[in-house]
Amino acid sequence: MLYQLSADLVVILHFGFVCFVLLGGLLLVKWPRLAWLHLPAIAWGVFIEFSGWICPLTPLENWLRTQAGEAGYAGDFVVRYLSAVLYPESLTRDIQIVLGTLVLVVNLAIYGRLWCTPGKRRG
């Protein structure tokens, strides 16, 4: 029971991190100093997607699931949870490149907008 709960918490944490990487720049309007956390998160997310590596949270979740007597899964978090929602087929290398590029473009747009908006505080 504890392993299953822990695995579920890892999934929630992982999903939250993915959301933070993609859209966390919007939080800078209220908390500009959050950029010191958000920029490294962007770098990590883009690195994982462009390199084709698997985030360490995925093997942790799999290990917790096997300890709980459940089956682990092959692939990564995006394939298991997000790809199933966004894409009918499994995640391909090309889609990973697109996702990494999407993270860059969205965040460049957010940061560019914040940087160019007159009168906004910057941390």
PDB file of N, CA and C in Angstrom:
ATOM      1  N   MET A   1       0.821  -1.199   0.000  1.00  0.00           N
ATOM      2  CA  MET A   1       0.000   0.000   0.000  1.00  0.00           C
ATOM      3  C   MET A   1       0.871   1.270   0.000  1.00  0.00           C
ATOM      4  N   LEU A   2       1.910   1.278   0.830  1.00  0.00           N
ATOM      5  CA  LEU A   2       2.796   2.435   0.901  1.00  0.00           C
ATOM      6  C   LEU A   2       3.554   2.629  -0.415  1.00  0.00           C
ATOM      7  N   TYR A   3       3.992   1.518  -1.024  1.00  0.00           N
ATOM      8  CA  TYR A   3       4.698   1.617  -2.310  1.00  0.00           C
ATOM      9  C   TYR A   3       3.769   2.137  -3.403  1.00  0.00           C
ATOM     10  N   GLN A   4       2.544   1.660  -3.408  1.00  0.00           N
ATOM     11  CA  GLN A   4       1.591   2.107  -4.423  1.00  0.00           C
ATOM     12  C   GLN A   4       1.302   3.600  -4.252  1.00  0.00           C
ATOM     13  N   LEU A   5       1.087   4.025  -3.036  1.00  0.00           N
ATOM     14  CA  LEU A   5       0.836   5.440  -2.760  1.00  0.00           C
ATOM     15  C   LEU A   5       2.049   6.284  -3.162  1.00  0.00           C
ATOM     16  N   SER A   6       3.238   5.795  -2.836  1.00  0.00           N
ATOM     17  CA  SER A   6       4.463   6.511  -3.206  1.00  0.00           C
ATOM     18  C   SER A   6       4.604   6.617  -4.717  1.00  0.00           C
ATOM     19  N   ALA A   7       4.303   5.546  -5.441  1.00  0.00           N
ATOM     20  CA  ALA A   7       4.365   5.576  -6.909  1.00  0.00           C
ATOM     21  C   ALA A   7       3.374   6.593  -7.462  1.00  0.00           C
ATOM     22  N   ASP A   8       2.185   6.629  -6.902  1.00  0.00           N
ATOM     23  CA  ASP A   8       1.185   7.607  -7.344  1.00  0.00           C
ATOM     24  C   ASP A   8       1.650   9.031  -7.060  1.00  0.00           C
ATOM     25  N   LEU A   9       2.279   9.235  -5.925  1.00  0.00           N
ATOM     26  CA  LEU A   9       2.808  10.566  -5.603  1.00  0.00           C
ATOM     27  C   LEU A   9       3.930  10.968  -6.558  1.00  0.00           C
ATOM     28  N   VAL A  10       4.748  10.014  -6.956  1.00  0.00           N
ATOM     29  CA  VAL A  10       5.807  10.295  -7.933  1.00  0.00           C
ATOM     30  C   VAL A  10       5.183  10.723  -9.259  1.00  0.00           C
ATOM     31  N   VAL A  11       4.103  10.074  -9.664  1.00  0.00           N
ATOM     32  CA  VAL A  11       3.425  10.452 -10.909  1.00  0.00           C
ATOM     33  C   VAL A  11       2.883  11.880 -10.808  1.00  0.00           C
ATOM     34  N   ILE A  12       2.277  12.202  -9.678  1.00  0.00           N
ATOM     35  CA  ILE A  12       1.740  13.556  -9.490  1.00  0.00           C
ATOM     36  C   ILE A  12       2.869  14.583  -9.518  1.00  0.00           C
ATOM     37  N   LEU A  13       3.958  14.282  -8.827  1.00  0.00           N
ATOM     38  CA  LEU A  13       5.123  15.164  -8.824  1.00  0.00           C
ATOM     39  C   LEU A  13       5.684  15.330 -10.239  1.00  0.00           C
ATOM     40  N   HIS A  14       5.788  14.227 -10.956  1.00  0.00           N
ATOM     41  CA  HIS A  14       6.326  14.235 -12.319  1.00  0.00           C
ATOM     42  C   HIS A  14       5.443  15.086 -13.235  1.00  0.00           C
ATOM     43  N   PHE A  15       4.140  14.884 -13.143  1.00  0.00           N
ATOM     44  CA  PHE A  15       3.212  15.654 -13.965  1.00  0.00           C
ATOM     45  C   PHE A  15       3.295  17.144 -13.620  1.00  0.00           C
ATOM     46  N   GLY A  16       3.375  17.450 -12.326  1.00  0.00           N
ATOM     47  CA  GLY A  16       3.514  18.838 -11.899  1.00  0.00           C
ATOM     48  C   GLY A  16       4.779  19.474 -12.440  1.00  0.00           C
ATOM     49  N   PHE A  17       5.870  18.698 -12.431  1.00  0.00           N
ATOM     50  CA  PHE A  17       7.135  19.206 -12.964  1.00  0.00           C
ATOM     51  C   PHE A  17       7.021  19.483 -14.460  1.00  0.00           C
ATOM     52  N   VAL A  18       6.384  18.575 -15.190  1.00  0.00           N
ATOM     53  CA  VAL A  18       6.203  18.771 -16.638  1.00  0.00           C
ATOM     54  C   VAL A  18       5.389  20.042 -16.885  1.00  0.00           C
ATOM     55  N   CYS A  19       4.343  20.252 -16.119  1.00  0.00           N
ATOM     56  CA  CYS A  19       3.532  21.475 -16.260  1.00  0.00           C
ATOM     57  C   CYS A  19       4.355  22.713 -15.920  1.00  0.00           C
ATOM     58  N   PHE A  20       5.162  22.618 -14.864  1.00  0.00           N
ATOM     59  CA  PHE A  20       6.022  23.733 -14.466  1.00  0.00           C
ATOM     60  C   PHE A  20       7.027  24.058 -15.562  1.00  0.00           C
ATOM     61  N   VAL A  21       7.615  23.037 -16.162  1.00  0.00           N
ATOM     62  CA  VAL A  21       8.581  23.257 -17.245  1.00  0.00           C
ATOM     63  C   VAL A  21       7.904  23.976 -18.408  1.00  0.00           C
ATOM     64  N   LEU A  22       6.735  23.528 -18.778  1.00  0.00           N
ATOM     65  CA  LEU A  22       6.066  24.092 -19.954  1.00  0.00           C
ATOM     66  C   LEU A  22       5.482  25.478 -19.690  1.00  0.00           C
ATOM     67  N   LEU A  23       4.819  25.662 -18.556  1.00  0.00           N
ATOM     68  CA  LEU A  23       4.068  26.898 -18.338  1.00  0.00           C
ATOM     69  C   LEU A  23       4.477  27.681 -17.096  1.00  0.00           C
ATOM     70  N   GLY A  24       5.514  27.242 -16.417  1.00  0.00           N
ATOM     71  CA  GLY A  24       5.938  27.910 -15.186  1.00  0.00           C
ATOM     72  C   GLY A  24       6.346  29.354 -15.375  1.00  0.00           C
ATOM     73  N   GLY A  25       6.738  29.709 -16.580  1.00  0.00           N
ATOM     74  CA  GLY A  25       7.099  31.096 -16.846  1.00  0.00           C
ATOM     75  C   GLY A  25       5.953  32.063 -16.576  1.00  0.00           C
ATOM     76  N   LEU A  26       4.738  31.583 -16.668  1.00  0.00           N
ATOM     77  CA  LEU A  26       3.585  32.443 -16.379  1.00  0.00           C
ATOM     78  C   LEU A  26       3.553  32.863 -14.915  1.00  0.00           C
ATOM     79  N   LEU A  27       4.150  32.067 -14.044  1.00  0.00           N
ATOM     80  CA  LEU A  27       4.197  32.405 -12.620  1.00  0.00           C
ATOM     81  C   LEU A  27       5.136  33.574 -12.340  1.00  0.00           C
ATOM     82  N   LEU A  28       5.999  33.890 -13.296  1.00  0.00           N
ATOM     83  CA  LEU A  28       6.962  34.974 -13.107  1.00  0.00           C
ATOM     84  C   LEU A  28       6.299  36.342 -13.042  1.00  0.00           C
ATOM     85  N   VAL A  29       5.081  36.454 -13.538  1.00  0.00           N
ATOM     86  CA  VAL A  29       4.362  37.727 -13.449  1.00  0.00           C
ATOM     87  C   VAL A  29       4.195  38.103 -11.980  1.00  0.00           C
ATOM     88  N   LYS A  30       3.859  37.112 -11.175  1.00  0.00           N
ATOM     89  CA  LYS A  30       3.644  37.352  -9.736  1.00  0.00           C
ATOM     90  C   LYS A  30       4.931  37.170  -8.938  1.00  0.00           C
ATOM     91  N   TRP A  31       5.735  36.176  -9.290  1.00  0.00           N
ATOM     92  CA  TRP A  31       6.951  35.847  -8.552  1.00  0.00           C
ATOM     93  C   TRP A  31       8.152  35.816  -9.498  1.00  0.00           C
ATOM     94  N   PRO A  32       8.721  36.967  -9.842  1.00  0.00           N
ATOM     95  CA  PRO A  32       9.807  37.022 -10.826  1.00  0.00           C
ATOM     96  C   PRO A  32      11.045  36.219 -10.417  1.00  0.00           C
ATOM     97  N   ARG A  33      11.310  36.102  -9.152  1.00  0.00           N
ATOM     98  CA  ARG A  33      12.503  35.363  -8.719  1.00  0.00           C
ATOM     99  C   ARG A  33      12.377  33.861  -8.919  1.00  0.00           C
ATOM    100  N   LEU A  34      11.191  33.407  -9.224  1.00  0.00           N
ATOM    101  CA  LEU A  34      10.983  31.995  -9.524  1.00  0.00           C
ATOM    102  C   LEU A  34      11.751  31.577 -10.779  1.00  0.00           C
ATOM    103  N   ALA A  35      12.186  32.550 -11.552  1.00  0.00           N
ATOM    104  CA  ALA A  35      12.978  32.266 -12.758  1.00  0.00           C
ATOM    105  C   ALA A  35      14.221  31.457 -12.410  1.00  0.00           C
ATOM    106  N   TRP A  36      14.759  31.641 -11.216  1.00  0.00           N
ATOM    107  CA  TRP A  36      15.960  30.906 -10.799  1.00  0.00           C
ATOM    108  C   TRP A  36      15.686  29.415 -10.658  1.00  0.00           C
ATOM    109  N   LEU A  37      14.446  29.036 -10.456  1.00  0.00           N
ATOM    110  CA  LEU A  37      14.067  27.620 -10.449  1.00  0.00           C
ATOM    111  C   LEU A  37      13.565  27.173 -11.819  1.00  0.00           C
ATOM    112  N   HIS A  38      12.860  28.072 -12.487  1.00  0.00           N
ATOM    113  CA  HIS A  38      12.226  27.703 -13.745  1.00  0.00           C
ATOM    114  C   HIS A  38      13.237  27.496 -14.876  1.00  0.00           C
ATOM    115  N   LEU A  39      14.230  28.353 -14.969  1.00  0.00           N
ATOM    116  CA  LEU A  39      15.206  28.220 -16.058  1.00  0.00           C
ATOM    117  C   LEU A  39      15.967  26.888 -16.000  1.00  0.00           C
ATOM    118  N   PRO A  40      16.445  26.447 -14.824  1.00  0.00           N
ATOM    119  CA  PRO A  40      17.066  25.111 -14.784  1.00  0.00           C
ATOM    120  C   PRO A  40      16.070  23.993 -15.094  1.00  0.00           C
ATOM    121  N   ALA A  41      14.811  24.167 -14.689  1.00  0.00           N
ATOM    122  CA  ALA A  41      13.793  23.157 -14.997  1.00  0.00           C
ATOM    123  C   ALA A  41      13.585  23.056 -16.505  1.00  0.00           C
ATOM    124  N   ILE A  42      13.542  24.200 -17.185  1.00  0.00           N
ATOM    125  CA  ILE A  42      13.425  24.203 -18.651  1.00  0.00           C
ATOM    126  C   ILE A  42      14.618  23.472 -19.260  1.00  0.00           C
ATOM    127  N   ALA A  43      15.809  23.810 -18.786  1.00  0.00           N
ATOM    128  CA  ALA A  43      17.017  23.184 -19.323  1.00  0.00           C
ATOM    129  C   ALA A  43      16.964  21.666 -19.158  1.00  0.00           C
ATOM    130  N   TRP A  44      16.519  21.207 -17.997  1.00  0.00           N
ATOM    131  CA  TRP A  44      16.421  19.764 -17.744  1.00  0.00           C
ATOM    132  C   TRP A  44      15.395  19.131 -18.681  1.00  0.00           C
ATOM    133  N   GLY A  45      14.212  19.735 -18.784  1.00  0.00           N
ATOM    134  CA  GLY A  45      13.158  19.186 -19.640  1.00  0.00           C
ATOM    135  C   GLY A  45      13.573  19.110 -21.099  1.00  0.00           C
ATOM    136  N   VAL A  46      14.202  20.154 -21.582  1.00  0.00           N
ATOM    137  CA  VAL A  46      14.658  20.176 -22.973  1.00  0.00           C
ATOM    138  C   VAL A  46      15.767  19.146 -23.170  1.00  0.00           C
ATOM    139  N   PHE A  47      16.692  19.071 -22.209  1.00  0.00           N
ATOM    140  CA  PHE A  47      17.779  18.096 -22.303  1.00  0.00           C
ATOM    141  C   PHE A  47      17.236  16.670 -22.376  1.00  0.00           C
ATOM    142  N   ILE A  48      16.296  16.342 -21.509  1.00  0.00           N
ATOM    143  CA  ILE A  48      15.727  14.987 -21.492  1.00  0.00           C
ATOM    144  C   ILE A  48      15.066  14.676 -22.836  1.00  0.00           C
ATOM    145  N   GLU A  49      14.306  15.609 -23.377  1.00  0.00           N
ATOM    146  CA  GLU A  49      13.612  15.369 -24.646  1.00  0.00           C
ATOM    147  C   GLU A  49      14.588  15.277 -25.811  1.00  0.00           C
ATOM    148  N   PHE A  50      15.539  16.193 -25.882  1.00  0.00           N
ATOM    149  CA  PHE A  50      16.472  16.192 -27.008  1.00  0.00           C
ATOM    150  C   PHE A  50      17.454  15.028 -26.954  1.00  0.00           C
ATOM    151  N   SER A  51      17.831  14.617 -25.758  1.00  0.00           N
ATOM    152  CA  SER A  51      18.807  13.530 -25.629  1.00  0.00           C
ATOM    153  C   SER A  51      18.171  12.154 -25.771  1.00  0.00           C
ATOM    154  N   GLY A  52      16.852  12.081 -25.547  1.00  0.00           N
ATOM    155  CA  GLY A  52      16.173  10.791 -25.589  1.00  0.00           C
ATOM    156  C   GLY A  52      16.344   9.997 -24.307  1.00  0.00           C
ATOM    157  N   TRP A  53      16.919  10.605 -23.282  1.00  0.00           N
ATOM    158  CA  TRP A  53      17.082   9.941 -22.002  1.00  0.00           C
ATOM    159  C   TRP A  53      15.748   9.831 -21.285  1.00  0.00           C
ATOM    160  N   ILE A  54      15.744   9.088 -20.216  1.00  0.00           N
ATOM    161  CA  ILE A  54      14.546   8.927 -19.385  1.00  0.00           C
ATOM    162  C   ILE A  54      14.776   9.660 -18.077  1.00  0.00           C
ATOM    163  N   CYS A  55      13.807  10.426 -17.661  1.00  0.00           N
ATOM    164  CA  CYS A  55      13.889  11.143 -16.390  1.00  0.00           C
ATOM    165  C   CYS A  55      14.024  10.131 -15.250  1.00  0.00           C
ATOM    166  N   PRO A  56      14.847  10.410 -14.252  1.00  0.00           N
ATOM    167  CA  PRO A  56      15.026   9.476 -13.131  1.00  0.00           C
ATOM    168  C   PRO A  56      13.744   9.185 -12.346  1.00  0.00           C
ATOM    169  N   LEU A  57      12.753  10.018 -12.465  1.00  0.00           N
ATOM    170  CA  LEU A  57      11.495   9.749 -11.764  1.00  0.00           C
ATOM    171  C   LEU A  57      10.767   8.534 -12.350  1.00  0.00           C
ATOM    172  N   THR A  58      10.990   8.252 -13.625  1.00  0.00           N
ATOM    173  CA  THR A  58      10.326   7.109 -14.252  1.00  0.00           C
ATOM    174  C   THR A  58      10.808   5.780 -13.676  1.00  0.00           C
ATOM    175  N   PRO A  59      12.121   5.521 -13.614  1.00  0.00           N
ATOM    176  CA  PRO A  59      12.554   4.274 -12.981  1.00  0.00           C
ATOM    177  C   PRO A  59      12.150   4.196 -11.500  1.00  0.00           C
ATOM    178  N   LEU A  60      12.137   5.345 -10.812  1.00  0.00           N
ATOM    179  CA  LEU A  60      11.692   5.346  -9.414  1.00  0.00           C
ATOM    180  C   LEU A  60      10.245   4.896  -9.324  1.00  0.00           C
ATOM    181  N   GLU A  61       9.390   5.442 -10.181  1.00  0.00           N
ATOM    182  CA  GLU A  61       7.984   5.024 -10.169  1.00  0.00           C
ATOM    183  C   GLU A  61       7.857   3.540 -10.487  1.00  0.00           C
ATOM    184  N   ASN A  62       8.587   3.066 -11.505  1.00  0.00           N
ATOM    185  CA  ASN A  62       8.537   1.640 -11.858  1.00  0.00           C
ATOM    186  C   ASN A  62       8.972   0.766 -10.687  1.00  0.00           C
ATOM    187  N   TRP A  63      10.037   1.143 -10.013  1.00  0.00           N
ATOM    188  CA  TRP A  63      10.526   0.372  -8.877  1.00  0.00           C
ATOM    189  C   TRP A  63       9.473   0.321  -7.771  1.00  0.00           C
ATOM    190  N   LEU A  64       8.872   1.467  -7.482  1.00  0.00           N
ATOM    191  CA  LEU A  64       7.828   1.508  -6.454  1.00  0.00           C
ATOM    192  C   LEU A  64       6.640   0.633  -6.849  1.00  0.00           C
ATOM    193  N   ARG A  65       6.277   0.665  -8.130  1.00  0.00           N
ATOM    194  CA  ARG A  65       5.151  -0.161  -8.588  1.00  0.00           C
ATOM    195  C   ARG A  65       5.474  -1.656  -8.453  1.00  0.00           C
ATOM    196  N   THR A  66       6.688  -2.056  -8.816  1.00  0.00           N
ATOM    197  CA  THR A  66       7.037  -3.478  -8.694  1.00  0.00           C
ATOM    198  C   THR A  66       7.099  -3.887  -7.222  1.00  0.00           C
ATOM    199  N   GLN A  67       7.543  -2.990  -6.356  1.00  0.00           N
ATOM    200  CA  GLN A  67       7.551  -3.281  -4.922  1.00  0.00           C
ATOM    201  C   GLN A  67       6.128  -3.437  -4.375  1.00  0.00           C
ATOM    202  N   ALA A  68       5.185  -2.756  -5.008  1.00  0.00           N
ATOM    203  CA  ALA A  68       3.779  -2.851  -4.606  1.00  0.00           C
ATOM    204  C   ALA A  68       3.090  -4.056  -5.237  1.00  0.00           C
ATOM    205  N   GLY A  69       3.836  -4.832  -6.046  1.00  0.00           N
ATOM    206  CA  GLY A  69       3.257  -6.004  -6.689  1.00  0.00           C
ATOM    207  C   GLY A  69       2.568  -5.702  -8.001  1.00  0.00           C
ATOM    208  N   GLU A  70       2.735  -4.492  -8.502  1.00  0.00           N
ATOM    209  CA  GLU A  70       2.160  -4.113  -9.786  1.00  0.00           C
ATOM    210  C   GLU A  70       3.214  -4.287 -10.873  1.00  0.00           C
ATOM    211  N   ALA A  71       2.780  -4.186 -12.090  1.00  0.00           N
ATOM    212  CA  ALA A  71       3.721  -4.269 -13.218  1.00  0.00           C
ATOM    213  C   ALA A  71       4.295  -2.884 -13.488  1.00  0.00           C
ATOM    214  N   GLY A  72       5.575  -2.847 -13.757  1.00  0.00           N
ATOM    215  CA  GLY A  72       6.189  -1.608 -14.217  1.00  0.00           C
ATOM    216  C   GLY A  72       5.853  -1.430 -15.687  1.00  0.00           C
ATOM    217  N   TYR A  73       6.469  -0.494 -16.326  1.00  0.00           N
ATOM    218  CA  TYR A  73       6.213  -0.280 -17.748  1.00  0.00           C
ATOM    219  C   TYR A  73       7.495   0.097 -18.450  1.00  0.00           C
ATOM    220  N   ALA A  74       7.512  -0.133 -19.742  1.00  0.00           N
ATOM    221  CA  ALA A  74       8.666   0.238 -20.561  1.00  0.00           C
ATOM    222  C   ALA A  74       8.489   1.671 -21.036  1.00  0.00           C
ATOM    223  N   GLY A  75       9.557   2.306 -21.372  1.00  0.00           N
ATOM    224  CA  GLY A  75       9.479   3.669 -21.888  1.00  0.00           C
ATOM    225  C   GLY A  75       9.599   4.687 -20.775  1.00  0.00           C
ATOM    226  N   ASP A  76       9.126   5.879 -21.052  1.00  0.00           N
ATOM    227  CA  ASP A  76       9.256   6.943 -20.071  1.00  0.00           C
ATOM    228  C   ASP A  76       7.903   7.516 -19.695  1.00  0.00           C
ATOM    229  N   PHE A  77       7.938   8.503 -18.827  1.00  0.00           N
ATOM    230  CA  PHE A  77       6.725   9.135 -18.304  1.00  0.00           C
ATOM    231  C   PHE A  77       5.840   9.670 -19.426  1.00  0.00           C
ATOM    232  N   VAL A  78       6.461  10.321 -20.394  1.00  0.00           N
ATOM    233  CA  VAL A  78       5.696  10.907 -21.496  1.00  0.00           C
ATOM    234  C   VAL A  78       4.956   9.818 -22.260  1.00  0.00           C
ATOM    235  N   VAL A  79       5.648   8.710 -22.522  1.00  0.00           N
ATOM    236  CA  VAL A  79       5.011   7.602 -23.240  1.00  0.00           C
ATOM    237  C   VAL A  79       3.853   7.045 -22.413  1.00  0.00           C
ATOM    238  N   ARG A  80       4.085   6.813 -21.148  1.00  0.00           N
ATOM    239  CA  ARG A  80       3.099   6.151 -20.294  1.00  0.00           C
ATOM    240  C   ARG A  80       1.853   7.006 -20.051  1.00  0.00           C
ATOM    241  N   TYR A  81       2.048   8.267 -19.702  1.00  0.00           N
ATOM    242  CA  TYR A  81       0.920   9.086 -19.260  1.00  0.00           C
ATOM    243  C   TYR A  81       0.511  10.165 -20.256  1.00  0.00           C
ATOM    244  N   LEU A  82       1.458  10.949 -20.725  1.00  0.00           N
ATOM    245  CA  LEU A  82       1.092  12.061 -21.586  1.00  0.00           C
ATOM    246  C   LEU A  82       0.871  11.653 -23.030  1.00  0.00           C
ATOM    247  N   SER A  83       1.703  10.765 -23.523  1.00  0.00           N
ATOM    248  CA  SER A  83       1.570  10.341 -24.910  1.00  0.00           C
ATOM    249  C   SER A  83       0.244   9.647 -25.152  1.00  0.00           C
ATOM    250  N   ALA A  84      -0.200   8.886 -24.182  1.00  0.00           N
ATOM    251  CA  ALA A  84      -1.481   8.193 -24.334  1.00  0.00           C
ATOM    252  C   ALA A  84      -2.631   9.184 -24.492  1.00  0.00           C
ATOM    253  N   VAL A  85      -2.493  10.345 -23.894  1.00  0.00           N
ATOM    254  CA  VAL A  85      -3.526  11.370 -23.997  1.00  0.00           C
ATOM    255  C   VAL A  85      -3.348  12.189 -25.268  1.00  0.00           C
ATOM    256  N   LEU A  86      -2.103  12.548 -25.570  1.00  0.00           N
ATOM    257  CA  LEU A  86      -1.847  13.445 -26.687  1.00  0.00           C
ATOM    258  C   LEU A  86      -1.724  12.749 -28.037  1.00  0.00           C
ATOM    259  N   TYR A  87      -1.204  11.533 -28.021  1.00  0.00           N
ATOM    260  CA  TYR A  87      -0.909  10.844 -29.268  1.00  0.00           C
ATOM    261  C   TYR A  87      -1.423   9.415 -29.212  1.00  0.00           C
ATOM    262  N   PRO A  88      -2.067   8.948 -30.271  1.00  0.00           N
ATOM    263  CA  PRO A  88      -2.573   7.575 -30.254  1.00  0.00           C
ATOM    264  C   PRO A  88      -1.481   6.519 -30.369  1.00  0.00           C
ATOM    265  N   GLU A  89      -0.370   6.826 -30.999  1.00  0.00           N
ATOM    266  CA  GLU A  89       0.734   5.881 -31.157  1.00  0.00           C
ATOM    267  C   GLU A  89       1.769   6.127 -30.077  1.00  0.00           C
ATOM    268  N   SER A  90       2.738   5.206 -29.965  1.00  0.00           N
ATOM    269  CA  SER A  90       3.779   5.460 -28.975  1.00  0.00           C
ATOM    270  C   SER A  90       4.670   6.616 -29.386  1.00  0.00           C
ATOM    271  N   LEU A  91       5.356   7.120 -28.383  1.00  0.00           N
ATOM    272  CA  LEU A  91       6.223   8.261 -28.581  1.00  0.00           C
ATOM    273  C   LEU A  91       7.404   7.883 -29.471  1.00  0.00           C
ATOM    274  N   THR A  92       7.647   8.712 -30.458  1.00  0.00           N
ATOM    275  CA  THR A  92       8.789   8.484 -31.346  1.00  0.00           C
ATOM    276  C   THR A  92       9.856   9.534 -31.053  1.00  0.00           C
ATOM    277  N   ARG A  93      11.021   9.317 -31.591  1.00  0.00           N
ATOM    278  CA  ARG A  93      12.113  10.272 -31.413  1.00  0.00           C
ATOM    279  C   ARG A  93      11.744  11.625 -32.005  1.00  0.00           C
ATOM    280  N   ASP A  94      11.068  11.615 -33.139  1.00  0.00           N
ATOM    281  CA  ASP A  94      10.645  12.874 -33.762  1.00  0.00           C
ATOM    282  C   ASP A  94       9.688  13.653 -32.865  1.00  0.00           C
ATOM    283  N   ILE A  95       8.773  12.942 -32.220  1.00  0.00           N
ATOM    284  CA  ILE A  95       7.825  13.605 -31.322  1.00  0.00           C
ATOM    285  C   ILE A  95       8.572  14.177 -30.118  1.00  0.00           C
ATOM    286  N   GLN A  96       9.589  13.475 -29.629  1.00  0.00           N
ATOM    287  CA  GLN A  96      10.380  14.014 -28.522  1.00  0.00           C
ATOM    288  C   GLN A  96      11.042  15.328 -28.923  1.00  0.00           C
ATOM    289  N   ILE A  97      11.563  15.396 -30.128  1.00  0.00           N
ATOM    290  CA  ILE A  97      12.184  16.632 -30.613  1.00  0.00           C
ATOM    291  C   ILE A  97      11.138  17.743 -30.690  1.00  0.00           C
ATOM    292  N   VAL A  98       9.960  17.409 -31.169  1.00  0.00           N
ATOM    293  CA  VAL A  98       8.876  18.394 -31.247  1.00  0.00           C
ATOM    294  C   VAL A  98       8.507  18.882 -29.845  1.00  0.00           C
ATOM    295  N   LEU A  99       8.407  17.959 -28.876  1.00  0.00           N
ATOM    296  CA  LEU A  99       8.064  18.353 -27.506  1.00  0.00           C
ATOM    297  C   LEU A  99       9.145  19.250 -26.907  1.00  0.00           C
ATOM    298  N   GLY A 100      10.397  18.905 -27.119  1.00  0.00           N
ATOM    299  CA  GLY A 100      11.490  19.743 -26.631  1.00  0.00           C
ATOM    300  C   GLY A 100      11.452  21.125 -27.256  1.00  0.00           C
ATOM    301  N   THR A 101      11.184  21.177 -28.548  1.00  0.00           N
ATOM    302  CA  THR A 101      11.083  22.454 -29.247  1.00  0.00           C
ATOM    303  C   THR A 101       9.886  23.248 -28.737  1.00  0.00           C
ATOM    304  N   LEU A 102       8.773  22.568 -28.483  1.00  0.00           N
ATOM    305  CA  LEU A 102       7.588  23.231 -27.936  1.00  0.00           C
ATOM    306  C   LEU A 102       7.902  23.880 -26.590  1.00  0.00           C
ATOM    307  N   VAL A 103       8.623  23.174 -25.738  1.00  0.00           N
ATOM    308  CA  VAL A 103       9.015  23.743 -24.446  1.00  0.00           C
ATOM    309  C   VAL A 103       9.836  25.012 -24.660  1.00  0.00           C
ATOM    310  N   LEU A 104      10.784  24.961 -25.579  1.00  0.00           N
ATOM    311  CA  LEU A 104      11.610  26.142 -25.850  1.00  0.00           C
ATOM    312  C   LEU A 104      10.790  27.303 -26.399  1.00  0.00           C
ATOM    313  N   VAL A 105       9.960  27.038 -27.387  1.00  0.00           N
ATOM    314  CA  VAL A 105       9.190  28.101 -28.035  1.00  0.00           C
ATOM    315  C   VAL A 105       8.203  28.738 -27.059  1.00  0.00           C
ATOM    316  N   VAL A 106       7.462  27.920 -26.321  1.00  0.00           N
ATOM    317  CA  VAL A 106       6.490  28.453 -25.363  1.00  0.00           C
ATOM    318  C   VAL A 106       7.193  29.328 -24.329  1.00  0.00           C
ATOM    319  N   ASN A 107       8.308  28.828 -23.802  1.00  0.00           N
ATOM    320  CA  ASN A 107       8.995  29.582 -22.762  1.00  0.00           C
ATOM    321  C   ASN A 107       9.711  30.812 -23.302  1.00  0.00           C
ATOM    322  N   LEU A 108      10.248  30.741 -24.512  1.00  0.00           N
ATOM    323  CA  LEU A 108      10.825  31.941 -25.112  1.00  0.00           C
ATOM    324  C   LEU A 108       9.754  33.015 -25.314  1.00  0.00           C
ATOM    325  N   ALA A 109       8.569  32.594 -25.713  1.00  0.00           N
ATOM    326  CA  ALA A 109       7.464  33.545 -25.887  1.00  0.00           C
ATOM    327  C   ALA A 109       7.061  34.169 -24.544  1.00  0.00           C
ATOM    328  N   ILE A 110       6.957  33.337 -23.514  1.00  0.00           N
ATOM    329  CA  ILE A 110       6.571  33.857 -22.193  1.00  0.00           C
ATOM    330  C   ILE A 110       7.641  34.803 -21.659  1.00  0.00           C
ATOM    331  N   TYR A 111       8.894  34.382 -21.686  1.00  0.00           N
ATOM    332  CA  TYR A 111       9.969  35.225 -21.178  1.00  0.00           C
ATOM    333  C   TYR A 111      10.122  36.480 -22.022  1.00  0.00           C
ATOM    334  N   GLY A 112       9.975  36.354 -23.330  1.00  0.00           N
ATOM    335  CA  GLY A 112      10.057  37.528 -24.204  1.00  0.00           C
ATOM    336  C   GLY A 112       8.964  38.530 -23.891  1.00  0.00           C
ATOM    337  N   ARG A 113       7.775  38.027 -23.668  1.00  0.00           N
ATOM    338  CA  ARG A 113       6.642  38.899 -23.324  1.00  0.00           C
ATOM    339  C   ARG A 113       6.884  39.598 -21.992  1.00  0.00           C
ATOM    340  N   LEU A 114       7.364  38.846 -21.007  1.00  0.00           N
ATOM    341  CA  LEU A 114       7.644  39.445 -19.702  1.00  0.00           C
ATOM    342  C   LEU A 114       8.772  40.468 -19.790  1.00  0.00           C
ATOM    343  N   TRP A 115       9.783  40.163 -20.565  1.00  0.00           N
ATOM    344  CA  TRP A 115      10.939  41.043 -20.683  1.00  0.00           C
ATOM    345  C   TRP A 115      10.579  42.350 -21.402  1.00  0.00           C
ATOM    346  N   CYS A 116       9.708  42.247 -22.403  1.00  0.00           N
ATOM    347  CA  CYS A 116       9.382  43.411 -23.231  1.00  0.00           C
ATOM    348  C   CYS A 116       8.206  44.226 -22.713  1.00  0.00           C
ATOM    349  N   THR A 117       7.523  43.742 -21.683  1.00  0.00           N
ATOM    350  CA  THR A 117       6.372  44.466 -21.148  1.00  0.00           C
ATOM    351  C   THR A 117       6.874  45.588 -20.240  1.00  0.00           C
ATOM    352  N   PRO A 118       6.590  46.837 -20.604  1.00  0.00           N
ATOM    353  CA  PRO A 118       7.061  47.957 -19.791  1.00  0.00           C
ATOM    354  C   PRO A 118       6.378  47.973 -18.421  1.00  0.00           C
ATOM    355  N   GLY A 119       7.144  48.390 -17.416  1.00  0.00           N
ATOM    356  CA  GLY A 119       6.577  48.536 -16.090  1.00  0.00           C
ATOM    357  C   GLY A 119       6.505  47.275 -15.256  1.00  0.00           C
ATOM    358  N   LYS A 120       6.894  46.155 -15.818  1.00  0.00           N
ATOM    359  CA  LYS A 120       6.860  44.895 -15.054  1.00  0.00           C
ATOM    360  C   LYS A 120       8.140  44.793 -14.225  1.00  0.00           C
ATOM    361  N   ARG A 121       7.969  44.261 -13.012  1.00  0.00           N
ATOM    362  CA  ARG A 121       9.137  44.031 -12.170  1.00  0.00           C
ATOM    363  C   ARG A 121       9.887  42.825 -12.688  1.00  0.00           C
ATOM    364  N   ARG A 122      11.177  42.881 -12.612  1.00  0.00           N
ATOM    365  CA  ARG A 122      12.008  41.722 -12.968  1.00  0.00           C
ATOM    366  C   ARG A 122      12.851  41.383 -11.754  1.00  0.00           C
ATOM    367  N   GLY A 123      12.959  40.035 -11.472  1.00  0.00           N
ATOM    368  CA  GLY A 123      13.724  39.577 -10.313  1.00  0.00           C
ATOM    369  C   GLY A 123      15.103  39.542 -10.609  1.00  0.00           C
TER     370      GLY A 123
END
